[in-house]
Amino acid sequence: MALTDLFALFGIAAVLCASAAALCRVGHDTNPRSPRWFRFLTNAWVLVLFMAMLVPIPGSGLALAGYFRGFVGDLSITFLALSIWSLCHRFLNTVAISHRERKALLVVVCVATLLLYPTALGWGDWDAYRLGWGSGSFLAALLAICGVSAAMGLRVLPALIALAVLAWSSGLMTSDNLWDYLLDPWLSALAWGIVFIKCTQCVFKRFVNTSINRSSH
């Protein structure tokens, strides 16, 4: 099996396991009195799931992650790095991404998706996806984003961009376009979903506060 295929399968397994771990964390946060063995079992289940995703199925020779790959395609380096970070935070108790870093990452991802996907689908005469084929202006723009982010005290966003560019220059994925290393449709959908939920919560909270203030008067 080619290195690009192994890397793609590993990425899919890591993202799915991080998603499963996040769902387990939601269940634990919903019931903070859940016993310690509950967390142990959920951690064990996530580890078993990760290994099961990469073990070839007898008779087919294809791992379960390979079937998912046929449906979701290859995932970006950004999504993979964030998933590994989430798993390390859960199992190794490493530092979590701060709220400020997450907010900056969400803003950049959402703006990038608005730039990339509409133009790639033919909305207009300019296609942003073409920049991913080694455009010097695109690399300069990414460098500028890293510089501005570092000046603002942000570390996660420049690190993710650097990892994506490094993986792209090393050819770790089947695609030769830098955009595929930076973004994928599933990460974009997740980012917009989080933004939608946050905005909905903000509007609902403001509506409740307004209603309480009116009733108090």
N, C-alpha and C. Protein backbone atom coordinates (compact mmCIF):
# COMPACT_ATOMS: atom_id res chain seq x y z
N MET A 1 0.84 -1.20 0.00
CA MET A 1 0.00 0.00 0.00
C MET A 1 0.88 1.25 0.00
N ALA A 2 0.51 2.22 -0.79
CA ALA A 2 1.29 3.45 -0.91
C ALA A 2 1.22 4.26 0.38
N LEU A 3 2.26 5.08 0.59
CA LEU A 3 2.31 5.91 1.78
C LEU A 3 1.14 6.88 1.84
N THR A 4 0.75 7.41 0.69
CA THR A 4 -0.37 8.35 0.67
C THR A 4 -1.67 7.67 1.12
N ASP A 5 -1.85 6.40 0.75
CA ASP A 5 -3.05 5.67 1.16
C ASP A 5 -3.02 5.38 2.66
N LEU A 6 -1.86 4.98 3.17
CA LEU A 6 -1.74 4.74 4.61
C LEU A 6 -2.00 6.01 5.40
N PHE A 7 -1.48 7.12 4.92
CA PHE A 7 -1.67 8.40 5.61
C PHE A 7 -3.14 8.80 5.60
N ALA A 8 -3.81 8.57 4.46
CA ALA A 8 -5.24 8.91 4.36
C ALA A 8 -6.07 8.06 5.31
N LEU A 9 -5.78 6.76 5.40
CA LEU A 9 -6.52 5.88 6.30
C LEU A 9 -6.29 6.27 7.75
N PHE A 10 -5.04 6.58 8.08
CA PHE A 10 -4.73 7.02 9.44
C PHE A 10 -5.49 8.30 9.79
N GLY A 11 -5.55 9.22 8.85
CA GLY A 11 -6.27 10.48 9.08
C GLY A 11 -7.75 10.26 9.32
N ILE A 12 -8.36 9.41 8.52
CA ILE A 12 -9.79 9.14 8.68
C ILE A 12 -10.05 8.47 10.03
N ALA A 13 -9.20 7.52 10.41
CA ALA A 13 -9.37 6.84 11.70
C ALA A 13 -9.22 7.83 12.85
N ALA A 14 -8.25 8.72 12.76
CA ALA A 14 -8.03 9.70 13.83
C ALA A 14 -9.20 10.66 13.95
N VAL A 15 -9.72 11.13 12.82
CA VAL A 15 -10.84 12.08 12.85
C VAL A 15 -12.10 11.41 13.41
N LEU A 16 -12.38 10.18 12.99
CA LEU A 16 -13.56 9.49 13.49
C LEU A 16 -13.45 9.19 14.98
N CYS A 17 -12.27 8.81 15.43
CA CYS A 17 -12.09 8.54 16.85
C CYS A 17 -12.17 9.81 17.67
N ALA A 18 -11.64 10.92 17.17
CA ALA A 18 -11.76 12.19 17.87
C ALA A 18 -13.22 12.63 17.95
N SER A 19 -13.98 12.37 16.89
CA SER A 19 -15.41 12.69 16.91
C SER A 19 -16.15 11.84 17.94
N ALA A 20 -15.80 10.54 17.98
CA ALA A 20 -16.43 9.66 18.97
C ALA A 20 -16.07 10.09 20.38
N ALA A 21 -14.81 10.48 20.60
CA ALA A 21 -14.39 10.93 21.92
C ALA A 21 -15.11 12.21 22.32
N ALA A 22 -15.33 13.10 21.33
CA ALA A 22 -16.06 14.34 21.62
C ALA A 22 -17.50 14.05 22.02
N LEU A 23 -18.13 13.08 21.36
CA LEU A 23 -19.50 12.71 21.73
C LEU A 23 -19.54 12.13 23.13
N CYS A 24 -18.54 11.32 23.47
CA CYS A 24 -18.48 10.77 24.83
C CYS A 24 -18.27 11.87 25.85
N ARG A 25 -17.49 12.88 25.50
CA ARG A 25 -17.26 13.98 26.43
C ARG A 25 -18.54 14.77 26.64
N VAL A 26 -19.34 14.92 25.58
CA VAL A 26 -20.62 15.61 25.74
C VAL A 26 -21.51 14.86 26.70
N GLY A 27 -21.52 13.52 26.58
CA GLY A 27 -22.31 12.73 27.51
C GLY A 27 -21.81 12.84 28.94
N HIS A 28 -20.50 12.92 29.09
CA HIS A 28 -19.93 13.07 30.44
C HIS A 28 -20.23 14.44 31.02
N ASP A 29 -20.16 15.49 30.18
CA ASP A 29 -20.45 16.84 30.66
C ASP A 29 -21.92 17.01 31.00
N THR A 30 -22.78 16.28 30.27
CA THR A 30 -24.21 16.36 30.55
C THR A 30 -24.52 15.78 31.92
N ASN A 31 -23.76 14.75 32.30
CA ASN A 31 -23.95 14.12 33.61
C ASN A 31 -22.62 14.16 34.36
N PRO A 32 -22.28 15.27 35.00
CA PRO A 32 -20.97 15.39 35.67
C PRO A 32 -20.77 14.42 36.80
N ARG A 33 -21.83 13.77 37.28
CA ARG A 33 -21.71 12.80 38.35
C ARG A 33 -21.42 11.39 37.85
N SER A 34 -21.18 11.25 36.56
CA SER A 34 -20.89 9.94 36.01
C SER A 34 -19.63 9.37 36.65
N PRO A 35 -19.59 8.08 36.97
CA PRO A 35 -18.45 7.50 37.68
C PRO A 35 -17.18 7.49 36.84
N ARG A 36 -16.07 7.28 37.52
CA ARG A 36 -14.78 7.30 36.84
C ARG A 36 -14.64 6.16 35.86
N TRP A 37 -15.31 5.01 36.14
CA TRP A 37 -15.21 3.90 35.23
C TRP A 37 -15.87 4.21 33.89
N PHE A 38 -16.80 5.17 33.88
CA PHE A 38 -17.44 5.56 32.63
C PHE A 38 -16.41 6.17 31.69
N ARG A 39 -15.58 7.07 32.21
CA ARG A 39 -14.53 7.66 31.38
C ARG A 39 -13.52 6.62 30.94
N PHE A 40 -13.20 5.67 31.83
CA PHE A 40 -12.25 4.62 31.46
C PHE A 40 -12.80 3.78 30.30
N LEU A 41 -14.07 3.41 30.38
CA LEU A 41 -14.67 2.60 29.33
C LEU A 41 -14.76 3.35 28.01
N THR A 42 -15.10 4.63 28.08
CA THR A 42 -15.19 5.41 26.85
C THR A 42 -13.81 5.57 26.20
N ASN A 43 -12.78 5.78 27.02
CA ASN A 43 -11.43 5.88 26.48
C ASN A 43 -11.00 4.56 25.84
N ALA A 44 -11.32 3.46 26.51
CA ALA A 44 -10.97 2.15 25.96
C ALA A 44 -11.72 1.90 24.66
N TRP A 45 -12.97 2.33 24.62
CA TRP A 45 -13.77 2.13 23.41
C TRP A 45 -13.20 2.93 22.24
N VAL A 46 -12.74 4.14 22.51
CA VAL A 46 -12.16 4.96 21.45
C VAL A 46 -10.87 4.34 20.93
N LEU A 47 -10.04 3.80 21.82
CA LEU A 47 -8.81 3.15 21.40
C LEU A 47 -9.09 1.90 20.58
N VAL A 48 -10.06 1.11 21.01
CA VAL A 48 -10.44 -0.09 20.24
C VAL A 48 -10.98 0.31 18.87
N LEU A 49 -11.77 1.37 18.83
CA LEU A 49 -12.30 1.84 17.55
C LEU A 49 -11.18 2.26 16.61
N PHE A 50 -10.17 2.95 17.15
CA PHE A 50 -9.07 3.41 16.31
C PHE A 50 -8.32 2.22 15.70
N MET A 51 -8.04 1.19 16.52
CA MET A 51 -7.34 0.02 16.00
C MET A 51 -8.21 -0.75 15.01
N ALA A 52 -9.51 -0.84 15.30
CA ALA A 52 -10.41 -1.57 14.41
C ALA A 52 -10.54 -0.88 13.06
N MET A 53 -10.42 0.45 13.04
CA MET A 53 -10.53 1.18 11.78
C MET A 53 -9.38 0.88 10.83
N LEU A 54 -8.22 0.48 11.38
CA LEU A 54 -7.02 0.28 10.56
C LEU A 54 -6.71 -1.18 10.27
N VAL A 55 -7.40 -2.10 10.93
CA VAL A 55 -7.16 -3.53 10.70
C VAL A 55 -7.93 -3.99 9.47
N PRO A 56 -7.26 -4.63 8.50
CA PRO A 56 -7.96 -5.10 7.30
C PRO A 56 -9.05 -6.12 7.64
N ILE A 57 -10.17 -6.01 6.99
CA ILE A 57 -11.28 -6.94 7.20
C ILE A 57 -10.98 -8.24 6.47
N PRO A 58 -11.07 -9.40 7.15
CA PRO A 58 -10.78 -10.68 6.48
C PRO A 58 -11.68 -10.90 5.27
N GLY A 59 -11.06 -11.34 4.21
CA GLY A 59 -11.82 -11.62 2.99
C GLY A 59 -11.80 -10.48 1.99
N SER A 60 -11.68 -9.25 2.48
CA SER A 60 -11.67 -8.11 1.57
C SER A 60 -10.30 -7.45 1.48
N GLY A 61 -9.52 -7.56 2.56
CA GLY A 61 -8.20 -6.94 2.58
C GLY A 61 -8.24 -5.43 2.72
N LEU A 62 -9.43 -4.88 2.93
CA LEU A 62 -9.60 -3.43 3.06
C LEU A 62 -10.03 -3.10 4.48
N ALA A 63 -9.37 -2.12 5.07
CA ALA A 63 -9.72 -1.72 6.42
C ALA A 63 -11.02 -0.94 6.43
N LEU A 64 -11.64 -0.86 7.61
CA LEU A 64 -12.90 -0.13 7.73
C LEU A 64 -12.72 1.34 7.35
N ALA A 65 -11.55 1.89 7.68
CA ALA A 65 -11.28 3.27 7.29
C ALA A 65 -11.28 3.44 5.79
N GLY A 66 -10.94 2.38 5.06
CA GLY A 66 -10.95 2.45 3.61
C GLY A 66 -12.35 2.63 3.05
N TYR A 67 -13.33 1.97 3.69
CA TYR A 67 -14.72 2.15 3.25
C TYR A 67 -15.19 3.58 3.53
N PHE A 68 -14.81 4.11 4.68
CA PHE A 68 -15.15 5.49 4.96
C PHE A 68 -14.47 6.44 3.98
N ARG A 69 -13.26 6.10 3.59
CA ARG A 69 -12.55 6.94 2.63
C ARG A 69 -13.26 7.00 1.30
N GLY A 70 -13.87 5.89 0.90
CA GLY A 70 -14.62 5.89 -0.34
C GLY A 70 -15.83 6.82 -0.28
N PHE A 71 -16.30 7.10 0.92
CA PHE A 71 -17.48 7.98 1.08
C PHE A 71 -17.08 9.43 1.33
N VAL A 72 -16.13 9.66 2.24
CA VAL A 72 -15.78 11.03 2.63
C VAL A 72 -14.61 11.59 1.86
N GLY A 73 -13.81 10.72 1.21
CA GLY A 73 -12.62 11.19 0.53
C GLY A 73 -11.48 11.43 1.51
N ASP A 74 -10.39 12.02 1.02
CA ASP A 74 -9.25 12.32 1.88
C ASP A 74 -9.52 13.58 2.69
N LEU A 75 -9.14 13.55 3.95
CA LEU A 75 -9.34 14.68 4.84
C LEU A 75 -8.08 15.54 4.88
N SER A 76 -8.25 16.79 5.24
CA SER A 76 -7.15 17.75 5.21
C SER A 76 -6.19 17.53 6.37
N ILE A 77 -4.99 18.06 6.21
CA ILE A 77 -4.00 18.02 7.28
C ILE A 77 -4.51 18.82 8.49
N THR A 78 -5.22 19.90 8.23
CA THR A 78 -5.75 20.71 9.32
C THR A 78 -6.71 19.90 10.19
N PHE A 79 -7.63 19.18 9.55
CA PHE A 79 -8.59 18.37 10.29
C PHE A 79 -7.87 17.27 11.06
N LEU A 80 -6.88 16.65 10.43
CA LEU A 80 -6.12 15.58 11.08
C LEU A 80 -5.37 16.11 12.30
N ALA A 81 -4.71 17.25 12.14
CA ALA A 81 -3.93 17.81 13.25
C ALA A 81 -4.83 18.19 14.42
N LEU A 82 -5.98 18.79 14.13
CA LEU A 82 -6.90 19.15 15.20
C LEU A 82 -7.45 17.92 15.91
N SER A 83 -7.70 16.86 15.15
CA SER A 83 -8.21 15.62 15.75
C SER A 83 -7.16 14.98 16.65
N ILE A 84 -5.91 14.95 16.20
CA ILE A 84 -4.84 14.38 17.02
C ILE A 84 -4.65 15.22 18.27
N TRP A 85 -4.74 16.54 18.14
CA TRP A 85 -4.62 17.42 19.30
C TRP A 85 -5.72 17.12 20.31
N SER A 86 -6.95 16.91 19.81
CA SER A 86 -8.07 16.61 20.69
C SER A 86 -7.86 15.27 21.40
N LEU A 87 -7.36 14.27 20.68
CA LEU A 87 -7.12 12.97 21.29
C LEU A 87 -5.99 13.04 22.32
N CYS A 88 -4.95 13.81 22.03
CA CYS A 88 -3.85 13.96 23.00
C CYS A 88 -4.33 14.68 24.26
N HIS A 89 -5.23 15.65 24.08
CA HIS A 89 -5.77 16.33 25.24
C HIS A 89 -6.60 15.38 26.10
N ARG A 90 -7.29 14.47 25.44
CA ARG A 90 -8.15 13.55 26.20
C ARG A 90 -7.33 12.47 26.90
N PHE A 91 -6.36 11.89 26.20
CA PHE A 91 -5.65 10.73 26.74
C PHE A 91 -4.37 11.11 27.49
N LEU A 92 -3.73 12.18 27.06
CA LEU A 92 -2.45 12.57 27.66
C LEU A 92 -2.55 13.83 28.49
N ASN A 93 -3.76 14.40 28.56
CA ASN A 93 -4.00 15.60 29.35
C ASN A 93 -3.10 16.77 28.93
N THR A 94 -2.90 16.90 27.62
CA THR A 94 -2.12 18.02 27.10
C THR A 94 -2.97 19.29 27.12
N VAL A 95 -2.34 20.41 26.80
CA VAL A 95 -3.02 21.70 26.84
C VAL A 95 -4.08 21.77 25.74
N ALA A 96 -5.27 22.20 26.09
CA ALA A 96 -6.34 22.35 25.12
C ALA A 96 -6.17 23.66 24.35
N ILE A 97 -6.78 23.73 23.18
CA ILE A 97 -6.75 24.96 22.39
C ILE A 97 -7.61 26.01 23.09
N SER A 98 -7.05 27.17 23.27
CA SER A 98 -7.76 28.23 23.99
C SER A 98 -8.94 28.75 23.18
N HIS A 99 -9.85 29.43 23.86
CA HIS A 99 -11.03 29.98 23.20
C HIS A 99 -10.63 31.00 22.14
N ARG A 100 -9.64 31.81 22.42
CA ARG A 100 -9.20 32.83 21.46
C ARG A 100 -8.61 32.18 20.20
N GLU A 101 -7.84 31.11 20.39
CA GLU A 101 -7.27 30.40 19.25
C GLU A 101 -8.37 29.74 18.41
N ARG A 102 -9.35 29.13 19.08
CA ARG A 102 -10.45 28.49 18.37
C ARG A 102 -11.26 29.51 17.57
N LYS A 103 -11.49 30.66 18.18
CA LYS A 103 -12.27 31.70 17.50
C LYS A 103 -11.55 32.18 16.25
N ALA A 104 -10.25 32.41 16.35
CA ALA A 104 -9.48 32.85 15.19
C ALA A 104 -9.48 31.79 14.10
N LEU A 105 -9.35 30.53 14.50
CA LEU A 105 -9.35 29.43 13.53
C LEU A 105 -10.69 29.33 12.82
N LEU A 106 -11.79 29.47 13.57
CA LEU A 106 -13.11 29.42 12.96
C LEU A 106 -13.31 30.54 11.94
N VAL A 107 -12.86 31.73 12.30
CA VAL A 107 -13.01 32.87 11.39
C VAL A 107 -12.25 32.62 10.09
N VAL A 108 -11.00 32.18 10.20
CA VAL A 108 -10.18 31.96 9.01
C VAL A 108 -10.75 30.84 8.15
N VAL A 109 -11.19 29.74 8.77
CA VAL A 109 -11.74 28.63 8.01
C VAL A 109 -13.02 29.05 7.28
N CYS A 110 -13.90 29.76 7.96
CA CYS A 110 -15.16 30.19 7.34
C CYS A 110 -14.91 31.17 6.19
N VAL A 111 -13.99 32.11 6.38
CA VAL A 111 -13.66 33.05 5.31
C VAL A 111 -13.03 32.31 4.13
N ALA A 112 -12.17 31.35 4.42
CA ALA A 112 -11.52 30.60 3.35
C ALA A 112 -12.52 29.77 2.55
N THR A 113 -13.50 29.18 3.24
CA THR A 113 -14.52 28.40 2.52
C THR A 113 -15.38 29.29 1.62
N LEU A 114 -15.67 30.51 2.10
CA LEU A 114 -16.42 31.44 1.27
C LEU A 114 -15.63 31.86 0.04
N LEU A 115 -14.31 31.88 0.16
CA LEU A 115 -13.45 32.23 -0.97
C LEU A 115 -13.27 31.06 -1.91
N LEU A 116 -13.11 29.86 -1.36
CA LEU A 116 -12.75 28.70 -2.16
C LEU A 116 -13.91 28.06 -2.90
N TYR A 117 -14.91 27.59 -2.15
CA TYR A 117 -15.92 26.73 -2.75
C TYR A 117 -16.85 27.43 -3.75
N PRO A 118 -17.34 28.64 -3.48
CA PRO A 118 -18.17 29.28 -4.50
C PRO A 118 -17.43 29.52 -5.82
N THR A 119 -16.17 29.95 -5.74
CA THR A 119 -15.43 30.20 -6.98
C THR A 119 -15.06 28.88 -7.66
N ALA A 120 -14.79 27.83 -6.88
CA ALA A 120 -14.47 26.53 -7.47
C ALA A 120 -15.67 25.93 -8.18
N LEU A 121 -16.87 26.29 -7.73
CA LEU A 121 -18.10 25.79 -8.36
C LEU A 121 -18.53 26.63 -9.56
N GLY A 122 -17.73 27.64 -9.89
CA GLY A 122 -18.02 28.42 -11.09
C GLY A 122 -18.74 29.71 -10.86
N TRP A 123 -18.82 30.17 -9.63
CA TRP A 123 -19.47 31.46 -9.34
C TRP A 123 -18.47 32.58 -9.60
N GLY A 124 -18.45 33.05 -10.81
CA GLY A 124 -17.51 34.10 -11.19
C GLY A 124 -16.46 33.57 -12.16
N ASP A 125 -15.65 34.49 -12.65
CA ASP A 125 -14.63 34.14 -13.63
C ASP A 125 -13.31 33.73 -13.00
N TRP A 126 -13.18 33.88 -11.70
CA TRP A 126 -11.93 33.57 -11.01
C TRP A 126 -12.09 32.34 -10.14
N ASP A 127 -11.14 31.44 -10.21
CA ASP A 127 -11.20 30.19 -9.45
C ASP A 127 -10.07 30.18 -8.42
N ALA A 128 -10.44 30.26 -7.14
CA ALA A 128 -9.43 30.28 -6.08
C ALA A 128 -8.69 28.95 -5.97
N TYR A 129 -9.30 27.87 -6.42
CA TYR A 129 -8.67 26.55 -6.30
C TYR A 129 -7.38 26.48 -7.13
N ARG A 130 -7.31 27.27 -8.18
CA ARG A 130 -6.11 27.27 -9.03
C ARG A 130 -4.88 27.75 -8.26
N LEU A 131 -5.09 28.55 -7.25
CA LEU A 131 -3.96 29.06 -6.47
C LEU A 131 -3.21 27.94 -5.77
N GLY A 132 -3.89 26.83 -5.52
CA GLY A 132 -3.27 25.73 -4.80
C GLY A 132 -2.25 24.95 -5.58
N TRP A 133 -2.11 25.24 -6.87
CA TRP A 133 -1.14 24.51 -7.68
C TRP A 133 0.23 25.20 -7.64
N GLY A 134 0.61 25.68 -6.48
CA GLY A 134 1.94 26.24 -6.33
C GLY A 134 2.04 27.72 -6.64
N SER A 135 0.96 28.46 -6.47
CA SER A 135 0.99 29.90 -6.74
C SER A 135 1.84 30.62 -5.70
N GLY A 136 2.76 31.46 -6.17
CA GLY A 136 3.60 32.21 -5.26
C GLY A 136 2.81 33.22 -4.45
N SER A 137 1.78 33.83 -5.06
CA SER A 137 0.96 34.80 -4.34
C SER A 137 0.17 34.12 -3.23
N PHE A 138 -0.26 32.88 -3.46
CA PHE A 138 -1.00 32.15 -2.43
C PHE A 138 -0.09 31.82 -1.25
N LEU A 139 1.12 31.38 -1.54
CA LEU A 139 2.07 31.09 -0.48
C LEU A 139 2.43 32.35 0.29
N ALA A 140 2.55 33.48 -0.43
CA ALA A 140 2.85 34.74 0.23
C ALA A 140 1.69 35.16 1.13
N ALA A 141 0.44 34.92 0.69
CA ALA A 141 -0.73 35.25 1.51
C ALA A 141 -0.76 34.39 2.77
N LEU A 142 -0.43 33.12 2.63
CA LEU A 142 -0.38 32.24 3.81
C LEU A 142 0.71 32.68 4.78
N LEU A 143 1.84 33.10 4.23
CA LEU A 143 2.92 33.60 5.08
C LEU A 143 2.50 34.86 5.81
N ALA A 144 1.75 35.72 5.12
CA ALA A 144 1.27 36.95 5.75
C ALA A 144 0.28 36.64 6.87
N ILE A 145 -0.59 35.66 6.65
CA ILE A 145 -1.54 35.25 7.69
C ILE A 145 -0.79 34.72 8.91
N CYS A 146 0.24 33.94 8.66
CA CYS A 146 1.04 33.42 9.77
C CYS A 146 1.72 34.55 10.53
N GLY A 147 2.25 35.54 9.78
CA GLY A 147 2.92 36.65 10.43
C GLY A 147 1.97 37.49 11.27
N VAL A 148 0.79 37.80 10.73
CA VAL A 148 -0.20 38.58 11.47
C VAL A 148 -0.67 37.81 12.69
N SER A 149 -0.90 36.51 12.52
CA SER A 149 -1.36 35.68 13.65
C SER A 149 -0.31 35.64 14.76
N ALA A 150 0.95 35.48 14.37
CA ALA A 150 2.02 35.45 15.37
C ALA A 150 2.13 36.79 16.09
N ALA A 151 1.95 37.88 15.34
CA ALA A 151 2.01 39.20 15.97
C ALA A 151 0.88 39.40 16.95
N MET A 152 -0.25 38.75 16.72
CA MET A 152 -1.39 38.84 17.61
C MET A 152 -1.30 37.86 18.78
N GLY A 153 -0.23 37.10 18.83
CA GLY A 153 -0.06 36.14 19.92
C GLY A 153 -0.72 34.81 19.67
N LEU A 154 -1.13 34.53 18.43
CA LEU A 154 -1.75 33.26 18.08
C LEU A 154 -0.69 32.27 17.64
N ARG A 155 -0.83 31.02 18.05
CA ARG A 155 0.15 30.01 17.72
C ARG A 155 -0.44 28.83 16.94
N VAL A 156 -1.70 28.52 17.17
CA VAL A 156 -2.30 27.33 16.55
C VAL A 156 -2.45 27.51 15.05
N LEU A 157 -2.99 28.65 14.63
CA LEU A 157 -3.23 28.88 13.21
C LEU A 157 -1.94 28.84 12.39
N PRO A 158 -0.87 29.56 12.79
CA PRO A 158 0.38 29.43 12.02
C PRO A 158 0.94 28.01 12.00
N ALA A 159 0.78 27.29 13.12
CA ALA A 159 1.29 25.91 13.18
C ALA A 159 0.53 25.01 12.21
N LEU A 160 -0.78 25.18 12.14
CA LEU A 160 -1.58 24.37 11.22
C LEU A 160 -1.24 24.67 9.76
N ILE A 161 -1.06 25.94 9.44
CA ILE A 161 -0.69 26.31 8.07
C ILE A 161 0.68 25.75 7.73
N ALA A 162 1.62 25.84 8.67
CA ALA A 162 2.96 25.32 8.43
C ALA A 162 2.94 23.81 8.22
N LEU A 163 2.15 23.10 9.01
CA LEU A 163 2.03 21.65 8.84
C LEU A 163 1.45 21.29 7.48
N ALA A 164 0.42 22.03 7.05
CA ALA A 164 -0.20 21.76 5.76
C ALA A 164 0.77 22.01 4.61
N VAL A 165 1.52 23.11 4.68
CA VAL A 165 2.48 23.42 3.63
C VAL A 165 3.61 22.38 3.62
N LEU A 166 4.06 21.96 4.80
CA LEU A 166 5.11 20.95 4.88
C LEU A 166 4.63 19.62 4.30
N ALA A 167 3.40 19.22 4.65
CA ALA A 167 2.86 17.98 4.11
C ALA A 167 2.68 18.07 2.60
N TRP A 168 2.25 19.24 2.12
CA TRP A 168 2.07 19.45 0.68
C TRP A 168 3.40 19.34 -0.06
N SER A 169 4.45 19.95 0.49
CA SER A 169 5.76 19.89 -0.16
C SER A 169 6.34 18.48 -0.10
N SER A 170 5.89 17.67 0.89
CA SER A 170 6.37 16.29 1.00
C SER A 170 5.52 15.31 0.22
N GLY A 171 4.37 15.76 -0.28
CA GLY A 171 3.49 14.88 -1.06
C GLY A 171 2.87 13.77 -0.24
N LEU A 172 2.39 14.09 0.98
CA LEU A 172 1.82 13.06 1.84
C LEU A 172 0.41 12.66 1.44
N MET A 173 -0.23 13.46 0.60
CA MET A 173 -1.58 13.14 0.16
C MET A 173 -1.58 12.89 -1.35
N THR A 174 -2.64 12.27 -1.83
CA THR A 174 -2.72 11.98 -3.26
C THR A 174 -2.91 13.24 -4.08
N SER A 175 -3.48 14.27 -3.49
CA SER A 175 -3.69 15.53 -4.21
C SER A 175 -2.40 16.34 -4.25
N ASP A 176 -2.24 17.11 -5.33
CA ASP A 176 -1.10 18.01 -5.47
C ASP A 176 -1.50 19.46 -5.23
N ASN A 177 -2.74 19.67 -4.80
CA ASN A 177 -3.23 21.03 -4.58
C ASN A 177 -3.17 21.38 -3.11
N LEU A 178 -2.59 22.51 -2.79
CA LEU A 178 -2.39 22.92 -1.40
C LEU A 178 -3.71 23.13 -0.67
N TRP A 179 -4.74 23.54 -1.39
CA TRP A 179 -6.04 23.74 -0.75
C TRP A 179 -6.53 22.46 -0.06
N ASP A 180 -6.28 21.30 -0.69
CA ASP A 180 -6.75 20.03 -0.12
C ASP A 180 -6.02 19.68 1.17
N TYR A 181 -4.84 20.24 1.37
CA TYR A 181 -4.11 20.05 2.61
C TYR A 181 -4.59 20.99 3.71
N LEU A 182 -5.11 22.14 3.28
CA LEU A 182 -5.56 23.15 4.24
C LEU A 182 -7.01 22.94 4.67
N LEU A 183 -7.86 22.59 3.72
CA LEU A 183 -9.31 22.50 3.99
C LEU A 183 -9.89 21.26 3.35
N ASP A 184 -11.02 20.83 3.87
CA ASP A 184 -11.84 19.80 3.24
C ASP A 184 -13.30 20.12 3.54
N PRO A 185 -14.23 19.60 2.78
CA PRO A 185 -15.65 19.95 2.98
C PRO A 185 -16.17 19.61 4.37
N TRP A 186 -15.67 18.54 4.98
CA TRP A 186 -16.16 18.14 6.30
C TRP A 186 -15.70 19.09 7.38
N LEU A 187 -14.45 19.54 7.31
CA LEU A 187 -13.97 20.55 8.25
C LEU A 187 -14.72 21.86 8.07
N SER A 188 -14.98 22.22 6.81
CA SER A 188 -15.71 23.46 6.54
C SER A 188 -17.13 23.38 7.09
N ALA A 189 -17.79 22.23 6.90
CA ALA A 189 -19.14 22.06 7.42
C ALA A 189 -19.16 22.10 8.94
N LEU A 190 -18.14 21.50 9.56
CA LEU A 190 -18.04 21.53 11.03
C LEU A 190 -17.86 22.96 11.53
N ALA A 191 -17.00 23.73 10.86
CA ALA A 191 -16.76 25.11 11.28
C ALA A 191 -18.04 25.95 11.17
N TRP A 192 -18.74 25.82 10.05
CA TRP A 192 -19.97 26.58 9.89
C TRP A 192 -21.06 26.10 10.83
N GLY A 193 -21.06 24.80 11.14
CA GLY A 193 -22.02 24.30 12.12
C GLY A 193 -21.78 24.87 13.50
N ILE A 194 -20.52 24.97 13.90
CA ILE A 194 -20.19 25.56 15.20
C ILE A 194 -20.59 27.03 15.23
N VAL A 195 -20.31 27.75 14.13
CA VAL A 195 -20.68 29.17 14.06
C VAL A 195 -22.19 29.33 14.16
N PHE A 196 -22.93 28.46 13.47
CA PHE A 196 -24.40 28.53 13.51
C PHE A 196 -24.92 28.28 14.92
N ILE A 197 -24.35 27.27 15.59
CA ILE A 197 -24.79 26.96 16.95
C ILE A 197 -24.48 28.12 17.89
N LYS A 198 -23.27 28.68 17.78
CA LYS A 198 -22.89 29.80 18.63
C LYS A 198 -23.80 31.01 18.41
N CYS A 199 -24.09 31.30 17.15
CA CYS A 199 -24.97 32.44 16.84
C CYS A 199 -26.38 32.20 17.36
N THR A 200 -26.87 30.95 17.21
CA THR A 200 -28.20 30.62 17.71
C THR A 200 -28.26 30.75 19.22
N GLN A 201 -27.24 30.27 19.91
CA GLN A 201 -27.20 30.40 21.37
C GLN A 201 -27.16 31.85 21.80
N CYS A 202 -26.40 32.66 21.06
CA CYS A 202 -26.30 34.08 21.40
C CYS A 202 -27.64 34.78 21.23
N VAL A 203 -28.32 34.50 20.11
CA VAL A 203 -29.62 35.12 19.85
C VAL A 203 -30.64 34.66 20.89
N PHE A 204 -30.63 33.37 21.21
CA PHE A 204 -31.57 32.84 22.20
C PHE A 204 -31.32 33.44 23.57
N LYS A 205 -30.04 33.56 23.95
CA LYS A 205 -29.71 34.14 25.25
C LYS A 205 -30.15 35.60 25.31
N ARG A 206 -29.94 36.33 24.22
CA ARG A 206 -30.35 37.73 24.20
C ARG A 206 -31.87 37.85 24.27
N PHE A 207 -32.56 36.93 23.59
CA PHE A 207 -34.03 36.95 23.62
C PHE A 207 -34.55 36.66 25.02
N VAL A 208 -33.92 35.69 25.70
CA VAL A 208 -34.34 35.36 27.07
C VAL A 208 -34.07 36.53 28.00
N ASN A 209 -32.91 37.14 27.88
CA ASN A 209 -32.59 38.28 28.75
C ASN A 209 -33.54 39.45 28.51
N THR A 210 -33.88 39.68 27.25
CA THR A 210 -34.83 40.75 26.94
C THR A 210 -36.20 40.47 27.53
N SER A 211 -36.64 39.21 27.44
CA SER A 211 -37.93 38.83 27.98
C SER A 211 -37.96 38.99 29.49
N ILE A 212 -36.85 38.61 30.16
CA ILE A 212 -36.77 38.74 31.62
C ILE A 212 -36.81 40.20 32.03
N ASN A 213 -36.08 41.03 31.29
CA ASN A 213 -36.06 42.46 31.62
C ASN A 213 -37.43 43.11 31.45
N ARG A 214 -38.14 42.70 30.40
CA ARG A 214 -39.46 43.25 30.17
C ARG A 214 -40.45 42.80 31.24
N SER A 215 -40.34 41.54 31.65
CA SER A 215 -41.26 41.04 32.67
C SER A 215 -40.98 41.66 34.04
N SER A 216 -39.69 41.99 34.29
CA SER A 216 -39.36 42.61 35.57
C SER A 216 -39.88 44.04 35.69
N HIS A 217 -40.05 44.69 34.51
CA HIS A 217 -40.60 46.05 34.53
C HIS A 217 -42.13 46.00 34.47
